[in-house]
Amino acid sequence: MHLLTSVMIQSRSAASKSYLQDTVLSLVPGDDYTKYTRLTYQALFYTEK
């Protein structure tokens, strides 16, 4: 059974968001996630997954 989870990190500029994202993703197998670093609200409606 696959459990789908979404995570969005929001914070001020230079607040180590990328570091947090990379640290958490290092615990997940590479084929099991898609990483977005910049995303518009509308882009979520057009993803294939």
PDB file of N, CA and C in Angstrom:
ATOM      1  N   MET A   1       0.838  -1.175   0.000  1.00  0.00           N
ATOM      2  CA  MET A   1       0.000   0.000   0.000  1.00  0.00           C
ATOM      3  C   MET A   1       0.887   1.243   0.000  1.00  0.00           C
ATOM      4  N   HIS A   2       0.658   2.133  -0.951  1.00  0.00           N
ATOM      5  CA  HIS A   2       1.419   3.375  -1.033  1.00  0.00           C
ATOM      6  C   HIS A   2       0.634   4.488  -0.353  1.00  0.00           C
ATOM      7  N   LEU A   3       1.312   5.225   0.459  1.00  0.00           N
ATOM      8  CA  LEU A   3       0.706   6.351   1.153  1.00  0.00           C
ATOM      9  C   LEU A   3       1.241   7.625   0.522  1.00  0.00           C
ATOM     10  N   LEU A   4       0.347   8.454  -0.025  1.00  0.00           N
ATOM     11  CA  LEU A   4       0.758   9.701  -0.654  1.00  0.00           C
ATOM     12  C   LEU A   4       0.803  10.807   0.387  1.00  0.00           C
ATOM     13  N   THR A   5       1.879  11.543   0.386  1.00  0.00           N
ATOM     14  CA  THR A   5       2.059  12.635   1.324  1.00  0.00           C
ATOM     15  C   THR A   5       2.611  13.832   0.576  1.00  0.00           C
ATOM     16  N   SER A   6       2.126  14.995   0.914  1.00  0.00           N
ATOM     17  CA  SER A   6       2.644  16.233   0.340  1.00  0.00           C
ATOM     18  C   SER A   6       3.183  17.097   1.458  1.00  0.00           C
ATOM     19  N   VAL A   7       4.258  17.784   1.154  1.00  0.00           N
ATOM     20  CA  VAL A   7       4.866  18.688   2.122  1.00  0.00           C
ATOM     21  C   VAL A   7       5.221  19.977   1.411  1.00  0.00           C
ATOM     22  N   MET A   8       4.882  21.095   2.030  1.00  0.00           N
ATOM     23  CA  MET A   8       5.273  22.393   1.498  1.00  0.00           C
ATOM     24  C   MET A   8       5.956  23.161   2.620  1.00  0.00           C
ATOM     25  N   ILE A   9       7.123  23.682   2.322  1.00  0.00           N
ATOM     26  CA  ILE A   9       7.888  24.446   3.299  1.00  0.00           C
ATOM     27  C   ILE A   9       7.850  25.910   2.882  1.00  0.00           C
ATOM     28  N   GLN A  10       7.348  26.749   3.756  1.00  0.00           N
ATOM     29  CA  GLN A  10       7.296  28.181   3.489  1.00  0.00           C
ATOM     30  C   GLN A  10       8.006  28.915   4.613  1.00  0.00           C
ATOM     31  N   SER A  11       8.816  29.881   4.230  1.00  0.00           N
ATOM     32  CA  SER A  11       9.514  30.690   5.221  1.00  0.00           C
ATOM     33  C   SER A  11      10.133  31.881   4.521  1.00  0.00           C
ATOM     34  N   ARG A  12      10.713  32.755   5.288  1.00  0.00           N
ATOM     35  CA  ARG A  12      11.365  33.947   4.736  1.00  0.00           C
ATOM     36  C   ARG A  12      12.598  33.533   3.936  1.00  0.00           C
ATOM     37  N   SER A  13      13.106  34.451   3.189  1.00  0.00           N
ATOM     38  CA  SER A  13      14.310  34.223   2.396  1.00  0.00           C
ATOM     39  C   SER A  13      15.490  33.885   3.307  1.00  0.00           C
ATOM     40  N   ALA A  14      16.361  33.008   2.822  1.00  0.00           N
ATOM     41  CA  ALA A  14      17.582  32.606   3.544  1.00  0.00           C
ATOM     42  C   ALA A  14      17.295  31.960   4.893  1.00  0.00           C
ATOM     43  N   ALA A  15      16.235  31.161   4.968  1.00  0.00           N
ATOM     44  CA  ALA A  15      15.875  30.514   6.235  1.00  0.00           C
ATOM     45  C   ALA A  15      16.196  29.020   6.233  1.00  0.00           C
ATOM     46  N   SER A  16      17.063  28.576   5.339  1.00  0.00           N
ATOM     47  CA  SER A  16      17.507  27.171   5.258  1.00  0.00           C
ATOM     48  C   SER A  16      16.407  26.200   4.835  1.00  0.00           C
ATOM     49  N   LYS A  17      15.475  26.665   4.001  1.00  0.00           N
ATOM     50  CA  LYS A  17      14.407  25.791   3.511  1.00  0.00           C
ATOM     51  C   LYS A  17      14.971  24.654   2.669  1.00  0.00           C
ATOM     52  N   SER A  18      15.917  24.953   1.794  1.00  0.00           N
ATOM     53  CA  SER A  18      16.508  23.917   0.943  1.00  0.00           C
ATOM     54  C   SER A  18      17.247  22.881   1.778  1.00  0.00           C
ATOM     55  N   TYR A  19      17.931  23.324   2.786  1.00  0.00           N
ATOM     56  CA  TYR A  19      18.646  22.396   3.666  1.00  0.00           C
ATOM     57  C   TYR A  19      17.662  21.461   4.367  1.00  0.00           C
ATOM     58  N   LEU A  20      16.577  22.006   4.865  1.00  0.00           N
ATOM     59  CA  LEU A  20      15.550  21.184   5.520  1.00  0.00           C
ATOM     60  C   LEU A  20      14.962  20.190   4.534  1.00  0.00           C
ATOM     61  N   GLN A  21      14.642  20.666   3.337  1.00  0.00           N
ATOM     62  CA  GLN A  21      14.076  19.789   2.317  1.00  0.00           C
ATOM     63  C   GLN A  21      15.049  18.666   1.963  1.00  0.00           C
ATOM     64  N   ASP A  22      16.296  18.984   1.733  1.00  0.00           N
ATOM     65  CA  ASP A  22      17.291  17.972   1.379  1.00  0.00           C
ATOM     66  C   ASP A  22      17.524  16.975   2.512  1.00  0.00           C
ATOM     67  N   THR A  23      17.499  17.453   3.745  1.00  0.00           N
ATOM     68  CA  THR A  23      17.694  16.571   4.894  1.00  0.00           C
ATOM     69  C   THR A  23      16.556  15.572   5.023  1.00  0.00           C
ATOM     70  N   VAL A  24      15.330  16.040   4.882  1.00  0.00           N
ATOM     71  CA  VAL A  24      14.169  15.144   4.972  1.00  0.00           C
ATOM     72  C   VAL A  24      14.168  14.163   3.808  1.00  0.00           C
ATOM     73  N   LEU A  25      14.454  14.652   2.606  1.00  0.00           N
ATOM     74  CA  LEU A  25      14.442  13.772   1.433  1.00  0.00           C
ATOM     75  C   LEU A  25      15.567  12.753   1.449  1.00  0.00           C
ATOM     76  N   SER A  26      16.613  12.994   2.201  1.00  0.00           N
ATOM     77  CA  SER A  26      17.694  12.009   2.294  1.00  0.00           C
ATOM     78  C   SER A  26      17.226  10.736   3.000  1.00  0.00           C
ATOM     79  N   LEU A  27      16.101  10.798   3.681  1.00  0.00           N
ATOM     80  CA  LEU A  27      15.534   9.634   4.366  1.00  0.00           C
ATOM     81  C   LEU A  27      14.587   8.830   3.480  1.00  0.00           C
ATOM     82  N   VAL A  28      14.305   9.338   2.279  1.00  0.00           N
ATOM     83  CA  VAL A  28      13.332   8.725   1.369  1.00  0.00           C
ATOM     84  C   VAL A  28      14.070   8.213   0.133  1.00  0.00           C
ATOM     85  N   PRO A  29      13.744   6.997  -0.337  1.00  0.00           N
ATOM     86  CA  PRO A  29      14.369   6.499  -1.567  1.00  0.00           C
ATOM     87  C   PRO A  29      14.120   7.454  -2.743  1.00  0.00           C
ATOM     88  N   GLY A  30      15.128   7.652  -3.582  1.00  0.00           N
ATOM     89  CA  GLY A  30      15.079   8.622  -4.666  1.00  0.00           C
ATOM     90  C   GLY A  30      13.937   8.470  -5.649  1.00  0.00           C
ATOM     91  N   ASP A  31      13.462   7.252  -5.875  1.00  0.00           N
ATOM     92  CA  ASP A  31      12.359   7.047  -6.819  1.00  0.00           C
ATOM     93  C   ASP A  31      10.999   7.338  -6.214  1.00  0.00           C
ATOM     94  N   ASP A  32      10.941   7.633  -4.943  1.00  0.00           N
ATOM     95  CA  ASP A  32       9.663   7.796  -4.259  1.00  0.00           C
ATOM     96  C   ASP A  32       9.247   9.233  -4.033  1.00  0.00           C
ATOM     97  N   TYR A  33       9.943  10.191  -4.621  1.00  0.00           N
ATOM     98  CA  TYR A  33       9.534  11.578  -4.435  1.00  0.00           C
ATOM     99  C   TYR A  33       9.847  12.409  -5.668  1.00  0.00           C
ATOM    100  N   THR A  34       9.160  13.522  -5.761  1.00  0.00           N
ATOM    101  CA  THR A  34       9.429  14.531  -6.772  1.00  0.00           C
ATOM    102  C   THR A  34       9.699  15.827  -6.035  1.00  0.00           C
ATOM    103  N   LYS A  35      10.806  16.453  -6.335  1.00  0.00           N
ATOM    104  CA  LYS A  35      11.213  17.666  -5.632  1.00  0.00           C
ATOM    105  C   LYS A  35      10.985  18.882  -6.524  1.00  0.00           C
ATOM    106  N   TYR A  36      10.255  19.838  -5.992  1.00  0.00           N
ATOM    107  CA  TYR A  36      10.056  21.119  -6.660  1.00  0.00           C
ATOM    108  C   TYR A  36      10.646  22.200  -5.771  1.00  0.00           C
ATOM    109  N   THR A  37      11.425  23.100  -6.351  1.00  0.00           N
ATOM    110  CA  THR A  37      11.988  24.175  -5.549  1.00  0.00           C
ATOM    111  C   THR A  37      11.252  25.488  -5.757  1.00  0.00           C
ATOM    112  N   ARG A  38      10.608  25.633  -6.896  1.00  0.00           N
ATOM    113  CA  ARG A  38       9.761  26.794  -7.165  1.00  0.00           C
ATOM    114  C   ARG A  38       8.507  26.286  -7.840  1.00  0.00           C
ATOM    115  N   LEU A  39       7.380  26.805  -7.396  1.00  0.00           N
ATOM    116  CA  LEU A  39       6.119  26.271  -7.887  1.00  0.00           C
ATOM    117  C   LEU A  39       5.037  27.329  -7.787  1.00  0.00           C
ATOM    118  N   THR A  40       4.256  27.465  -8.847  1.00  0.00           N
ATOM    119  CA  THR A  40       3.105  28.362  -8.778  1.00  0.00           C
ATOM    120  C   THR A  40       1.893  27.551  -8.354  1.00  0.00           C
ATOM    121  N   TYR A  41       0.873  28.232  -7.869  1.00  0.00           N
ATOM    122  CA  TYR A  41      -0.339  27.532  -7.457  1.00  0.00           C
ATOM    123  C   TYR A  41      -0.976  26.798  -8.632  1.00  0.00           C
ATOM    124  N   GLN A  42      -0.966  27.398  -9.805  1.00  0.00           N
ATOM    125  CA  GLN A  42      -1.597  26.762 -10.970  1.00  0.00           C
ATOM    126  C   GLN A  42      -0.830  25.541 -11.449  1.00  0.00           C
ATOM    127  N   ALA A  43       0.462  25.499 -11.241  1.00  0.00           N
ATOM    128  CA  ALA A  43       1.261  24.363 -11.695  1.00  0.00           C
ATOM    129  C   ALA A  43       0.782  23.058 -11.066  1.00  0.00           C
ATOM    130  N   LEU A  44       0.246  23.100  -9.882  1.00  0.00           N
ATOM    131  CA  LEU A  44      -0.238  21.890  -9.226  1.00  0.00           C
ATOM    132  C   LEU A  44      -1.393  21.252  -9.974  1.00  0.00           C
ATOM    133  N   PHE A  45      -2.182  22.036 -10.672  1.00  0.00           N
ATOM    134  CA  PHE A  45      -3.318  21.510 -11.416  1.00  0.00           C
ATOM    135  C   PHE A  45      -2.904  20.819 -12.699  1.00  0.00           C
ATOM    136  N   TYR A  46      -1.705  21.072 -13.172  1.00  0.00           N
ATOM    137  CA  TYR A  46      -1.259  20.549 -14.448  1.00  0.00           C
ATOM    138  C   TYR A  46      -0.252  19.417 -14.323  1.00  0.00           C
ATOM    139  N   THR A  47       0.013  18.951 -13.127  1.00  0.00           N
ATOM    140  CA  THR A  47       0.925  17.820 -12.984  1.00  0.00           C
ATOM    141  C   THR A  47       0.200  16.534 -13.345  1.00  0.00           C
ATOM    142  N   GLU A  48       0.936  15.561 -13.852  1.00  0.00           N
ATOM    143  CA  GLU A  48       0.332  14.312 -14.292  1.00  0.00           C
ATOM    144  C   GLU A  48       0.037  13.365 -13.157  1.00  0.00           C
ATOM    145  N   LYS A  49       0.662  13.527 -12.029  1.00  0.00           N
ATOM    146  CA  LYS A  49       0.454  12.610 -10.909  1.00  0.00           C
ATOM    147  C   LYS A  49      -0.709  13.061 -10.073  1.00  0.00           C
TER     148      LYS A  49
END
